[in-house]
PDB file of N, CA and C in Angstrom:
ATOM      1  N   UNK A   1     -41.123 262.159 107.722  1.00  0.00           N
ATOM      2  CA  UNK A   1     -39.326 263.090 108.931  1.00  0.00           C
ATOM      3  C   UNK A   1     -39.199 263.239 107.836  1.00  0.00           C
ATOM      4  N   UNK A   2     -37.837 264.339 108.497  1.00  0.00           N
ATOM      5  CA  UNK A   2     -36.375 264.731 107.432  1.00  0.00           C
ATOM      6  C   UNK A   2     -35.650 263.825 108.279  1.00  0.00           C
ATOM      7  N   UNK A   3     -34.552 263.031 106.793  1.00  0.00           N
ATOM      8  CA  UNK A   3     -33.699 262.334 107.910  1.00  0.00           C
ATOM      9  C   UNK A   3     -32.649 263.348 108.945  1.00  0.00           C
ATOM     10  N   UNK A   4     -31.923 262.804 110.141  1.00  0.00           N
ATOM     11  CA  UNK A   4     -30.534 264.008 109.920  1.00  0.00           C
ATOM     12  C   UNK A   4     -29.689 263.599 109.174  1.00  0.00           C
ATOM     13  N   UNK A   5     -29.312 264.751 109.094  1.00  0.00           N
ATOM     14  CA  UNK A   5     -27.261 264.074 108.099  1.00  0.00           C
ATOM     15  C   UNK A   5     -26.312 263.426 108.580  1.00  0.00           C
ATOM     16  N   UNK A   6     -25.489 262.804 108.237  1.00  0.00           N
ATOM     17  CA  UNK A   6     -24.907 262.252 108.133  1.00  0.00           C
ATOM     18  C   UNK A   6     -23.843 262.796 109.161  1.00  0.00           C
ATOM     19  N   UNK A   7     -23.402 262.483 110.098  1.00  0.00           N
ATOM     20  CA  UNK A   7     -22.229 263.139 110.336  1.00  0.00           C
ATOM     21  C   UNK A   7     -21.186 263.134 110.123  1.00  0.00           C
ATOM     22  N   UNK A   8     -19.958 264.180 110.199  1.00  0.00           N
ATOM     23  CA  UNK A   8     -18.548 264.219 109.007  1.00  0.00           C
ATOM     24  C   UNK A   8     -18.012 263.593 109.519  1.00  0.00           C
ATOM     25  N   UNK A   9     -16.853 262.384 109.341  1.00  0.00           N
ATOM     26  CA  UNK A   9     -16.193 261.033 109.809  1.00  0.00           C
ATOM     27  C   UNK A   9     -14.519 262.399 109.786  1.00  0.00           C
ATOM     28  N   UNK A  10     -14.509 262.032 110.855  1.00  0.00           N
ATOM     29  CA  UNK A  10     -13.010 262.350 110.911  1.00  0.00           C
ATOM     30  C   UNK A  10     -11.913 261.806 111.021  1.00  0.00           C
ATOM     31  N   UNK A  11     -11.251 261.994 110.956  1.00  0.00           N
ATOM     32  CA  UNK A  11      -9.559 261.096 110.337  1.00  0.00           C
ATOM     33  C   UNK A  11      -8.188 261.494 111.438  1.00  0.00           C
ATOM     34  N   UNK A  12      -7.879 261.488 112.293  1.00  0.00           N
ATOM     35  CA  UNK A  12      -6.728 261.513 112.868  1.00  0.00           C
ATOM     36  C   UNK A  12      -5.253 260.635 112.606  1.00  0.00           C
ATOM     37  N   UNK A  13      -4.675 262.040 111.969  1.00  0.00           N
ATOM     38  CA  UNK A  13      -3.694 261.802 111.454  1.00  0.00           C
ATOM     39  C   UNK A  13      -2.206 262.043 112.476  1.00  0.00           C
ATOM     40  N   UNK A  14      -1.352 261.672 112.480  1.00  0.00           N
ATOM     41  CA  UNK A  14      -0.259 261.901 113.950  1.00  0.00           C
ATOM     42  C   UNK A  14       1.535 261.152 113.294  1.00  0.00           C
ATOM     43  N   UNK A  15       1.949 261.766 113.148  1.00  0.00           N
ATOM     44  CA  UNK A  15       3.618 262.070 113.069  1.00  0.00           C
ATOM     45  C   UNK A  15       3.932 261.595 114.562  1.00  0.00           C
ATOM     46  N   UNK A  16       4.332 260.416 114.781  1.00  0.00           N
ATOM     47  CA  UNK A  16       4.959 259.496 115.932  1.00  0.00           C
ATOM     48  C   UNK A  16       5.981 258.666 114.713  1.00  0.00           C
ATOM     49  N   UNK A  17       6.872 258.558 116.303  1.00  0.00           N
ATOM     50  CA  UNK A  17       8.077 257.763 115.957  1.00  0.00           C
ATOM     51  C   UNK A  17       7.781 255.642 115.895  1.00  0.00           C
ATOM     52  N   UNK A  18       8.384 255.720 114.748  1.00  0.00           N
ATOM     53  CA  UNK A  18       7.684 254.206 113.491  1.00  0.00           C
ATOM     54  C   UNK A  18       8.717 252.985 114.482  1.00  0.00           C
ATOM     55  N   UNK A  19       9.563 252.559 115.119  1.00  0.00           N
ATOM     56  CA  UNK A  19       9.352 251.750 115.836  1.00  0.00           C
ATOM     57  C   UNK A  19       9.328 251.562 116.535  1.00  0.00           C
ATOM     58  N   UNK A  20       8.024 250.281 116.402  1.00  0.00           N
ATOM     59  CA  UNK A  20       7.643 250.407 118.282  1.00  0.00           C
ATOM     60  C   UNK A  20       8.988 249.930 119.251  1.00  0.00           C
ATOM     61  N   UNK A  21       9.800 249.067 118.484  1.00  0.00           N
ATOM     62  CA  UNK A  21      11.177 248.682 119.805  1.00  0.00           C
ATOM     63  C   UNK A  21      11.539 249.057 120.060  1.00  0.00           C
ATOM     64  N   UNK A  22      12.004 250.774 119.502  1.00  0.00           N
ATOM     65  CA  UNK A  22      13.654 251.692 119.972  1.00  0.00           C
ATOM     66  C   UNK A  22      12.237 252.610 120.790  1.00  0.00           C
ATOM     67  N   UNK A  23      13.602 253.793 121.170  1.00  0.00           N
ATOM     68  CA  UNK A  23      12.774 254.792 121.411  1.00  0.00           C
ATOM     69  C   UNK A  23      13.460 255.703 120.841  1.00  0.00           C
ATOM     70  N   UNK A  24      13.075 256.801 120.449  1.00  0.00           N
ATOM     71  CA  UNK A  24      13.797 258.150 119.575  1.00  0.00           C
ATOM     72  C   UNK A  24      15.256 258.710 119.788  1.00  0.00           C
ATOM     73  N   UNK A  25      15.748 259.110 119.348  1.00  0.00           N
ATOM     74  CA  UNK A  25      16.785 259.783 119.383  1.00  0.00           C
ATOM     75  C   UNK A  25      16.590 260.439 120.904  1.00  0.00           C
ATOM     76  N   UNK A  26      17.833 260.544 121.093  1.00  0.00           N
ATOM     77  CA  UNK A  26      18.536 261.303 123.058  1.00  0.00           C
ATOM     78  C   UNK A  26      17.908 263.149 122.364  1.00  0.00           C
ATOM     79  N   UNK A  27      16.492 263.632 123.177  1.00  0.00           N
ATOM     80  CA  UNK A  27      15.709 265.152 123.433  1.00  0.00           C
ATOM     81  C   UNK A  27      15.080 264.878 121.974  1.00  0.00           C
ATOM     82  N   UNK A  28      15.069 263.678 121.512  1.00  0.00           N
ATOM     83  CA  UNK A  28      13.658 264.227 120.472  1.00  0.00           C
ATOM     84  C   UNK A  28      12.051 263.327 120.785  1.00  0.00           C
ATOM     85  N   UNK A  29      11.070 264.100 120.452  1.00  0.00           N
ATOM     86  CA  UNK A  29       9.528 263.787 121.440  1.00  0.00           C
ATOM     87  C   UNK A  29       9.043 262.366 120.356  1.00  0.00           C
ATOM     88  N   UNK A  30       8.660 261.553 120.731  1.00  0.00           N
ATOM     89  CA  UNK A  30       7.551 260.343 120.705  1.00  0.00           C
ATOM     90  C   UNK A  30       6.780 260.924 119.145  1.00  0.00           C
ATOM     91  N   UNK A  31       6.034 261.974 119.878  1.00  0.00           N
ATOM     92  CA  UNK A  31       5.425 262.364 118.409  1.00  0.00           C
ATOM     93  C   UNK A  31       5.175 263.877 118.004  1.00  0.00           C
ATOM     94  N   UNK A  32       5.782 264.211 116.619  1.00  0.00           N
ATOM     95  CA  UNK A  32       5.537 265.371 116.504  1.00  0.00           C
ATOM     96  C   UNK A  32       4.505 266.179 116.329  1.00  0.00           C
ATOM     97  N   UNK A  33       4.078 265.535 115.803  1.00  0.00           N
ATOM     98  CA  UNK A  33       2.183 266.390 115.672  1.00  0.00           C
ATOM     99  C   UNK A  33       1.574 265.600 115.305  1.00  0.00           C
ATOM    100  N   UNK A  34       0.512 265.879 115.359  1.00  0.00           N
ATOM    101  CA  UNK A  34      -0.789 265.256 115.378  1.00  0.00           C
ATOM    102  C   UNK A  34      -2.313 266.911 114.208  1.00  0.00           C
ATOM    103  N   UNK A  35      -3.163 265.572 113.942  1.00  0.00           N
ATOM    104  CA  UNK A  35      -4.291 266.960 113.362  1.00  0.00           C
ATOM    105  C   UNK A  35      -5.231 265.725 113.055  1.00  0.00           C
ATOM    106  N   UNK A  36      -6.132 266.056 113.570  1.00  0.00           N
ATOM    107  CA  UNK A  36      -8.153 265.522 113.414  1.00  0.00           C
ATOM    108  C   UNK A  36      -8.348 266.460 112.040  1.00  0.00           C
ATOM    109  N   UNK A  37      -8.864 266.058 110.990  1.00  0.00           N
ATOM    110  CA  UNK A  37      -8.931 266.160 109.918  1.00  0.00           C
ATOM    111  C   UNK A  37     -10.503 265.786 109.074  1.00  0.00           C
ATOM    112  N   UNK A  38     -11.405 265.888 107.974  1.00  0.00           N
ATOM    113  CA  UNK A  38     -12.196 265.628 107.862  1.00  0.00           C
ATOM    114  C   UNK A  38     -12.037 264.528 106.936  1.00  0.00           C
ATOM    115  N   UNK A  39     -12.326 263.170 106.597  1.00  0.00           N
ATOM    116  CA  UNK A  39     -12.309 262.392 105.423  1.00  0.00           C
ATOM    117  C   UNK A  39     -12.062 262.790 104.864  1.00  0.00           C
ATOM    118  N   UNK A  40     -10.865 262.341 103.718  1.00  0.00           N
ATOM    119  CA  UNK A  40     -10.496 262.310 102.450  1.00  0.00           C
ATOM    120  C   UNK A  40      -9.615 263.812 102.210  1.00  0.00           C
ATOM    121  N   UNK A  41      -9.432 264.760 103.599  1.00  0.00           N
ATOM    122  CA  UNK A  41      -8.829 265.873 103.540  1.00  0.00           C
ATOM    123  C   UNK A  41      -7.529 265.495 103.108  1.00  0.00           C
ATOM    124  N   UNK A  42      -6.258 265.840 102.580  1.00  0.00           N
ATOM    125  CA  UNK A  42      -4.783 265.515 102.971  1.00  0.00           C
ATOM    126  C   UNK A  42      -3.843 266.169 104.421  1.00  0.00           C
ATOM    127  N   UNK A  43      -3.371 265.094 104.758  1.00  0.00           N
ATOM    128  CA  UNK A  43      -2.425 265.678 105.997  1.00  0.00           C
ATOM    129  C   UNK A  43      -1.896 266.497 105.541  1.00  0.00           C
ATOM    130  N   UNK A  44      -0.894 266.229 104.443  1.00  0.00           N
ATOM    131  CA  UNK A  44      -0.131 266.654 104.193  1.00  0.00           C
ATOM    132  C   UNK A  44       0.546 268.208 104.710  1.00  0.00           C
ATOM    133  N   UNK A  45      -0.219 269.052 104.307  1.00  0.00           N
ATOM    134  CA  UNK A  45       0.266 271.182 104.100  1.00  0.00           C
ATOM    135  C   UNK A  45      -0.194 270.869 105.843  1.00  0.00           C
ATOM    136  N   UNK A  46      -0.079 270.202 107.407  1.00  0.00           N
ATOM    137  CA  UNK A  46      -0.168 269.981 108.373  1.00  0.00           C
ATOM    138  C   UNK A  46       1.077 269.580 109.144  1.00  0.00           C
ATOM    139  N   UNK A  47       1.617 267.804 108.187  1.00  0.00           N
ATOM    140  CA  UNK A  47       2.597 267.891 108.792  1.00  0.00           C
ATOM    141  C   UNK A  47       3.924 267.220 108.098  1.00  0.00           C
ATOM    142  N   UNK A  48       3.633 267.958 106.691  1.00  0.00           N
ATOM    143  CA  UNK A  48       4.455 267.231 105.659  1.00  0.00           C
ATOM    144  C   UNK A  48       5.894 268.054 106.113  1.00  0.00           C
ATOM    145  N   UNK A  49       5.932 269.488 106.658  1.00  0.00           N
ATOM    146  CA  UNK A  49       7.126 270.004 107.440  1.00  0.00           C
ATOM    147  C   UNK A  49       8.018 269.816 107.952  1.00  0.00           C
ATOM    148  N   UNK A  50       7.250 268.587 108.786  1.00  0.00           N
ATOM    149  CA  UNK A  50       8.017 268.617 110.144  1.00  0.00           C
ATOM    150  C   UNK A  50       9.136 266.722 110.373  1.00  0.00           C
ATOM    151  N   UNK A  51       8.855 266.439 108.596  1.00  0.00           N
ATOM    152  CA  UNK A  51       8.740 264.943 108.157  1.00  0.00           C
ATOM    153  C   UNK A  51      10.097 264.589 107.203  1.00  0.00           C
ATOM    154  N   UNK A  52      10.817 264.315 107.362  1.00  0.00           N
ATOM    155  CA  UNK A  52      11.988 264.358 106.587  1.00  0.00           C
ATOM    156  C   UNK A  52      11.878 262.970 105.904  1.00  0.00           C
ATOM    157  N   UNK A  53      12.050 262.450 104.666  1.00  0.00           N
ATOM    158  CA  UNK A  53      12.837 260.539 104.668  1.00  0.00           C
ATOM    159  C   UNK A  53      13.713 260.126 105.584  1.00  0.00           C
ATOM    160  N   UNK A  54      13.447 259.096 106.675  1.00  0.00           N
ATOM    161  CA  UNK A  54      14.576 258.352 106.631  1.00  0.00           C
ATOM    162  C   UNK A  54      14.586 258.914 107.865  1.00  0.00           C
ATOM    163  N   UNK A  55      14.219 259.698 108.780  1.00  0.00           N
ATOM    164  CA  UNK A  55      13.954 260.192 109.615  1.00  0.00           C
ATOM    165  C   UNK A  55      13.884 259.155 110.895  1.00  0.00           C
ATOM    166  N   UNK A  56      12.938 258.674 110.989  1.00  0.00           N
ATOM    167  CA  UNK A  56      12.541 257.195 111.561  1.00  0.00           C
ATOM    168  C   UNK A  56      10.774 257.767 111.763  1.00  0.00           C
ATOM    169  N   UNK A  57      10.514 258.546 111.891  1.00  0.00           N
ATOM    170  CA  UNK A  57       8.929 259.254 112.276  1.00  0.00           C
ATOM    171  C   UNK A  57       7.951 258.129 110.732  1.00  0.00           C
ATOM    172  N   UNK A  58       6.727 258.006 111.184  1.00  0.00           N
ATOM    173  CA  UNK A  58       5.878 257.854 110.838  1.00  0.00           C
ATOM    174  C   UNK A  58       4.389 258.341 110.758  1.00  0.00           C
ATOM    175  N   UNK A  59       3.358 258.318 109.146  1.00  0.00           N
ATOM    176  CA  UNK A  59       2.707 259.106 109.979  1.00  0.00           C
ATOM    177  C   UNK A  59       1.421 257.627 110.204  1.00  0.00           C
ATOM    178  N   UNK A  60       0.522 258.093 111.208  1.00  0.00           N
ATOM    179  CA  UNK A  60      -0.170 257.414 111.688  1.00  0.00           C
ATOM    180  C   UNK A  60      -2.298 257.461 111.090  1.00  0.00           C
ATOM    181  N   UNK A  61      -2.505 256.299 111.005  1.00  0.00           N
ATOM    182  CA  UNK A  61      -4.011 256.903 110.559  1.00  0.00           C
ATOM    183  C   UNK A  61      -5.360 256.735 112.018  1.00  0.00           C
ATOM    184  N   UNK A  62      -5.933 257.597 112.171  1.00  0.00           N
ATOM    185  CA  UNK A  62      -6.839 256.581 112.852  1.00  0.00           C
ATOM    186  C   UNK A  62      -8.042 257.419 112.834  1.00  0.00           C
ATOM    187  N   UNK A  63      -9.150 256.776 112.711  1.00  0.00           N
ATOM    188  CA  UNK A  63     -11.154 256.677 112.699  1.00  0.00           C
ATOM    189  C   UNK A  63     -11.476 257.457 113.870  1.00  0.00           C
ATOM    190  N   UNK A  64     -11.418 258.612 113.882  1.00  0.00           N
ATOM    191  CA  UNK A  64     -12.056 259.518 114.869  1.00  0.00           C
ATOM    192  C   UNK A  64     -14.282 258.944 115.204  1.00  0.00           C
ATOM    193  N   UNK A  65     -14.317 258.533 115.830  1.00  0.00           N
ATOM    194  CA  UNK A  65     -15.931 258.473 116.306  1.00  0.00           C
ATOM    195  C   UNK A  65     -16.130 259.853 116.476  1.00  0.00           C
ATOM    196  N   UNK A  66     -16.789 260.504 115.297  1.00  0.00           N
ATOM    197  CA  UNK A  66     -17.251 261.618 115.601  1.00  0.00           C
ATOM    198  C   UNK A  66     -19.211 261.900 116.370  1.00  0.00           C
ATOM    199  N   UNK A  67     -19.625 261.063 116.501  1.00  0.00           N
ATOM    200  CA  UNK A  67     -20.747 261.053 117.254  1.00  0.00           C
ATOM    201  C   UNK A  67     -20.712 259.390 118.490  1.00  0.00           C
ATOM    202  N   UNK A  68     -21.314 259.348 119.590  1.00  0.00           N
ATOM    203  CA  UNK A  68     -21.659 258.396 120.652  1.00  0.00           C
ATOM    204  C   UNK A  68     -21.930 257.022 120.029  1.00  0.00           C
ATOM    205  N   UNK A  69     -21.422 256.274 119.491  1.00  0.00           N
ATOM    206  CA  UNK A  69     -22.354 254.537 118.800  1.00  0.00           C
ATOM    207  C   UNK A  69     -23.673 254.890 119.892  1.00  0.00           C
ATOM    208  N   UNK A  70     -24.620 254.577 119.024  1.00  0.00           N
ATOM    209  CA  UNK A  70     -25.629 254.103 119.029  1.00  0.00           C
ATOM    210  C   UNK A  70     -25.695 253.038 120.047  1.00  0.00           C
ATOM    211  N   UNK A  71     -27.233 253.033 121.782  1.00  0.00           N
ATOM    212  CA  UNK A  71     -27.085 251.627 122.614  1.00  0.00           C
ATOM    213  C   UNK A  71     -28.380 251.478 122.451  1.00  0.00           C
ATOM    214  N   UNK A  72     -28.801 250.162 122.335  1.00  0.00           N
ATOM    215  CA  UNK A  72     -30.165 249.378 121.426  1.00  0.00           C
ATOM    216  C   UNK A  72     -30.400 249.523 123.611  1.00  0.00           C
ATOM    217  N   UNK A  73     -32.432 250.266 123.095  1.00  0.00           N
ATOM    218  CA  UNK A  73     -32.617 250.051 124.777  1.00  0.00           C
ATOM    219  C   UNK A  73     -32.501 248.714 125.093  1.00  0.00           C
ATOM    220  N   UNK A  74     -33.524 248.691 126.650  1.00  0.00           N
ATOM    221  CA  UNK A  74     -33.580 247.877 127.364  1.00  0.00           C
ATOM    222  C   UNK A  74     -34.778 246.860 126.630  1.00  0.00           C
ATOM    223  N   UNK A  75     -35.315 247.351 126.112  1.00  0.00           N
ATOM    224  CA  UNK A  75     -36.383 246.331 125.874  1.00  0.00           C
ATOM    225  C   UNK A  75     -36.031 245.752 124.111  1.00  0.00           C
ATOM    226  N   UNK A  76     -35.495 246.254 123.911  1.00  0.00           N
ATOM    227  CA  UNK A  76     -34.689 246.205 122.325  1.00  0.00           C
ATOM    228  C   UNK A  76     -34.202 244.810 122.667  1.00  0.00           C
ATOM    229  N   UNK A  77     -32.952 245.043 123.543  1.00  0.00           N
ATOM    230  CA  UNK A  77     -32.058 243.865 124.229  1.00  0.00           C
ATOM    231  C   UNK A  77     -32.841 242.469 124.833  1.00  0.00           C
ATOM    232  N   UNK A  78     -33.815 242.970 125.429  1.00  0.00           N
ATOM    233  CA  UNK A  78     -34.549 242.060 125.746  1.00  0.00           C
ATOM    234  C   UNK A  78     -35.307 241.066 124.759  1.00  0.00           C
ATOM    235  N   UNK A  79     -35.735 241.874 123.646  1.00  0.00           N
ATOM    236  CA  UNK A  79     -36.914 241.171 122.845  1.00  0.00           C
ATOM    237  C   UNK A  79     -35.832 240.126 122.289  1.00  0.00           C
ATOM    238  N   UNK A  80     -34.553 240.824 121.750  1.00  0.00           N
ATOM    239  CA  UNK A  80     -33.873 239.976 121.040  1.00  0.00           C
ATOM    240  C   UNK A  80     -32.964 239.082 122.068  1.00  0.00           C
ATOM    241  N   UNK A  81     -33.267 238.839 123.345  1.00  0.00           N
ATOM    242  CA  UNK A  81     -32.466 237.420 123.952  1.00  0.00           C
ATOM    243  C   UNK A  81     -33.618 236.353 123.875  1.00  0.00           C
ATOM    244  N   UNK A  82     -34.712 236.968 124.174  1.00  0.00           N
ATOM    245  CA  UNK A  82     -35.966 236.060 124.003  1.00  0.00           C
ATOM    246  C   UNK A  82     -35.759 235.165 122.381  1.00  0.00           C
ATOM    247  N   UNK A  83     -36.039 235.960 121.670  1.00  0.00           N
ATOM    248  CA  UNK A  83     -35.572 235.003 120.105  1.00  0.00           C
ATOM    249  C   UNK A  83     -34.505 234.627 120.349  1.00  0.00           C
ATOM    250  N   UNK A  84     -33.341 234.922 120.616  1.00  0.00           N
ATOM    251  CA  UNK A  84     -32.316 234.755 121.018  1.00  0.00           C
ATOM    252  C   UNK A  84     -32.501 232.807 120.952  1.00  0.00           C
ATOM    253  N   UNK A  85     -32.744 232.869 122.550  1.00  0.00           N
ATOM    254  CA  UNK A  85     -33.144 231.621 123.523  1.00  0.00           C
ATOM    255  C   UNK A  85     -33.959 230.894 122.588  1.00  0.00           C
ATOM    256  N   UNK A  86     -35.495 231.327 121.872  1.00  0.00           N
ATOM    257  CA  UNK A  86     -35.684 230.293 121.400  1.00  0.00           C
ATOM    258  C   UNK A  86     -36.114 229.585 120.308  1.00  0.00           C
ATOM    259  N   UNK A  87     -34.483 230.415 119.351  1.00  0.00           N
ATOM    260  CA  UNK A  87     -33.707 230.087 118.862  1.00  0.00           C
ATOM    261  C   UNK A  87     -32.619 228.802 118.803  1.00  0.00           C
ATOM    262  N   UNK A  88     -32.526 228.996 120.269  1.00  0.00           N
ATOM    263  CA  UNK A  88     -31.177 228.294 120.133  1.00  0.00           C
ATOM    264  C   UNK A  88     -32.039 227.059 120.496  1.00  0.00           C
ATOM    265  N   UNK A  89     -33.127 226.968 121.803  1.00  0.00           N
ATOM    266  CA  UNK A  89     -33.496 225.645 122.361  1.00  0.00           C
ATOM    267  C   UNK A  89     -34.264 224.963 121.123  1.00  0.00           C
ATOM    268  N   UNK A  90     -35.130 225.558 120.158  1.00  0.00           N
ATOM    269  CA  UNK A  90     -35.778 224.639 119.341  1.00  0.00           C
ATOM    270  C   UNK A  90     -34.783 223.903 118.348  1.00  0.00           C
ATOM    271  N   UNK A  91     -33.530 224.957 118.873  1.00  0.00           N
ATOM    272  CA  UNK A  91     -32.719 223.730 117.157  1.00  0.00           C
ATOM    273  C   UNK A  91     -32.193 222.654 117.771  1.00  0.00           C
ATOM    274  N   UNK A  92     -32.180 223.155 119.063  1.00  0.00           N
ATOM    275  CA  UNK A  92     -31.285 222.146 120.322  1.00  0.00           C
ATOM    276  C   UNK A  92     -31.760 220.588 120.248  1.00  0.00           C
ATOM    277  N   UNK A  93     -33.128 221.212 120.529  1.00  0.00           N
ATOM    278  CA  UNK A  93     -33.982 219.899 121.020  1.00  0.00           C
ATOM    279  C   UNK A  93     -35.324 221.057 121.247  1.00  0.00           C
ATOM    280  N   UNK A  94     -35.915 220.262 120.179  1.00  0.00           N
ATOM    281  CA  UNK A  94     -37.532 220.520 118.940  1.00  0.00           C
ATOM    282  C   UNK A  94     -38.648 220.397 119.982  1.00  0.00           C
ATOM    283  N   UNK A  95     -38.550 219.246 120.849  1.00  0.00           N
ATOM    284  CA  UNK A  95     -39.572 218.389 121.081  1.00  0.00           C
ATOM    285  C   UNK A  95     -40.434 219.320 122.443  1.00  0.00           C
ATOM    286  N   UNK A  96     -39.320 219.193 122.836  1.00  0.00           N
ATOM    287  CA  UNK A  96     -38.935 219.877 124.875  1.00  0.00           C
ATOM    288  C   UNK A  96     -38.727 221.588 124.829  1.00  0.00           C
ATOM    289  N   UNK A  97     -38.713 222.471 123.249  1.00  0.00           N
ATOM    290  CA  UNK A  97     -38.158 223.483 123.469  1.00  0.00           C
ATOM    291  C   UNK A  97     -39.209 224.437 123.729  1.00  0.00           C
ATOM    292  N   UNK A  98     -40.549 224.374 124.239  1.00  0.00           N
ATOM    293  CA  UNK A  98     -41.043 225.035 124.950  1.00  0.00           C
ATOM    294  C   UNK A  98     -41.185 224.970 126.770  1.00  0.00           C
ATOM    295  N   UNK A  99     -41.136 223.641 126.831  1.00  0.00           N
ATOM    296  CA  UNK A  99     -41.120 223.741 128.369  1.00  0.00           C
ATOM    297  C   UNK A  99     -39.455 224.126 128.995  1.00  0.00           C
ATOM    298  N   UNK A 100     -38.550 223.961 128.210  1.00  0.00           N
ATOM    299  CA  UNK A 100     -37.501 224.803 128.542  1.00  0.00           C
ATOM    300  C   UNK A 100     -37.047 226.228 128.200  1.00  0.00           C
ATOM    301  N   UNK A 101     -37.795 227.345 127.165  1.00  0.00           N
ATOM    302  CA  UNK A 101     -38.367 228.158 127.120  1.00  0.00           C
ATOM    303  C   UNK A 101     -38.515 228.624 128.206  1.00  0.00           C
ATOM    304  N   UNK A 102     -39.849 228.432 129.501  1.00  0.00           N
ATOM    305  CA  UNK A 102     -40.738 228.551 129.846  1.00  0.00           C
ATOM    306  C   UNK A 102     -39.730 228.431 131.194  1.00  0.00           C
ATOM    307  N   UNK A 103     -39.196 227.866 131.460  1.00  0.00           N
ATOM    308  CA  UNK A 103     -38.300 227.434 132.750  1.00  0.00           C
ATOM    309  C   UNK A 103     -37.178 228.311 132.897  1.00  0.00           C
ATOM    310  N   UNK A 104     -36.372 228.372 131.419  1.00  0.00           N
ATOM    311  CA  UNK A 104     -35.358 230.014 131.366  1.00  0.00           C
ATOM    312  C   UNK A 104     -36.142 230.985 131.312  1.00  0.00           C
ATOM    313  N   UNK A 105     -37.817 231.135 130.775  1.00  0.00           N
ATOM    314  CA  UNK A 105     -38.506 232.817 131.757  1.00  0.00           C
ATOM    315  C   UNK A 105     -38.223 232.857 132.553  1.00  0.00           C
ATOM    316  N   UNK A 106     -38.531 232.188 133.413  1.00  0.00           N
ATOM    317  CA  UNK A 106     -38.565 232.071 134.454  1.00  0.00           C
ATOM    318  C   UNK A 106     -37.646 232.081 135.733  1.00  0.00           C
ATOM    319  N   UNK A 107     -37.022 231.757 134.598  1.00  0.00           N
ATOM    320  CA  UNK A 107     -35.870 231.671 136.047  1.00  0.00           C
ATOM    321  C   UNK A 107     -35.045 232.843 135.791  1.00  0.00           C
ATOM    322  N   UNK A 108     -35.128 233.343 134.800  1.00  0.00           N
ATOM    323  CA  UNK A 108     -34.447 235.364 134.493  1.00  0.00           C
ATOM    324  C   UNK A 108     -35.081 236.290 133.986  1.00  0.00           C
ATOM    325  N   UNK A 109     -36.233 236.305 134.570  1.00  0.00           N
ATOM    326  CA  UNK A 109     -37.834 237.048 133.506  1.00  0.00           C
ATOM    327  C   UNK A 109     -36.794 238.925 133.978  1.00  0.00           C
ATOM    328  N   UNK A 110     -36.443 238.876 134.395  1.00  0.00           N
ATOM    329  CA  UNK A 110     -35.692 240.737 134.322  1.00  0.00           C
ATOM    330  C   UNK A 110     -34.380 240.568 132.976  1.00  0.00           C
ATOM    331  N   UNK A 111     -33.735 239.559 132.877  1.00  0.00           N
ATOM    332  CA  UNK A 111     -33.214 238.995 131.507  1.00  0.00           C
ATOM    333  C   UNK A 111     -33.466 239.432 130.156  1.00  0.00           C
ATOM    334  N   UNK A 112     -34.982 238.075 130.173  1.00  0.00           N
ATOM    335  CA  UNK A 112     -35.510 238.250 130.001  1.00  0.00           C
ATOM    336  C   UNK A 112     -37.062 239.193 129.074  1.00  0.00           C
ATOM    337  N   UNK A 113     -37.321 240.102 129.507  1.00  0.00           N
ATOM    338  CA  UNK A 113     -38.075 240.790 130.534  1.00  0.00           C
ATOM    339  C   UNK A 113     -39.248 239.842 129.961  1.00  0.00           C
ATOM    340  N   UNK A 114     -40.269 239.532 130.834  1.00  0.00           N
ATOM    341  CA  UNK A 114     -40.815 238.857 130.679  1.00  0.00           C
ATOM    342  C   UNK A 114     -41.347 239.309 132.578  1.00  0.00           C
TER     343      UNK A 114
END
């Protein structure tokens, strides 16, 4: 089976007011410009013409999520919960762990998937 191509990581570059404790001068916007580019590509050709040193604005960088995060299936979550329960109870009280595990599984069968 062929692997799907890795999604391109995107970066958001924003030129906005740099001091969080003050507001921009009267009539100036909070954000001068913003651009989303592939990771590694320079922001300067897109935003440098808006910015001069000492004007109070700063470049801000943020990674953008290209694809939605992968979610675990309910069955996988239940399996992880059961294994964690067993590990935790066997470490805490190894002599009575089997009885405590059975009681916890019987008490909440939907959560542990039993």
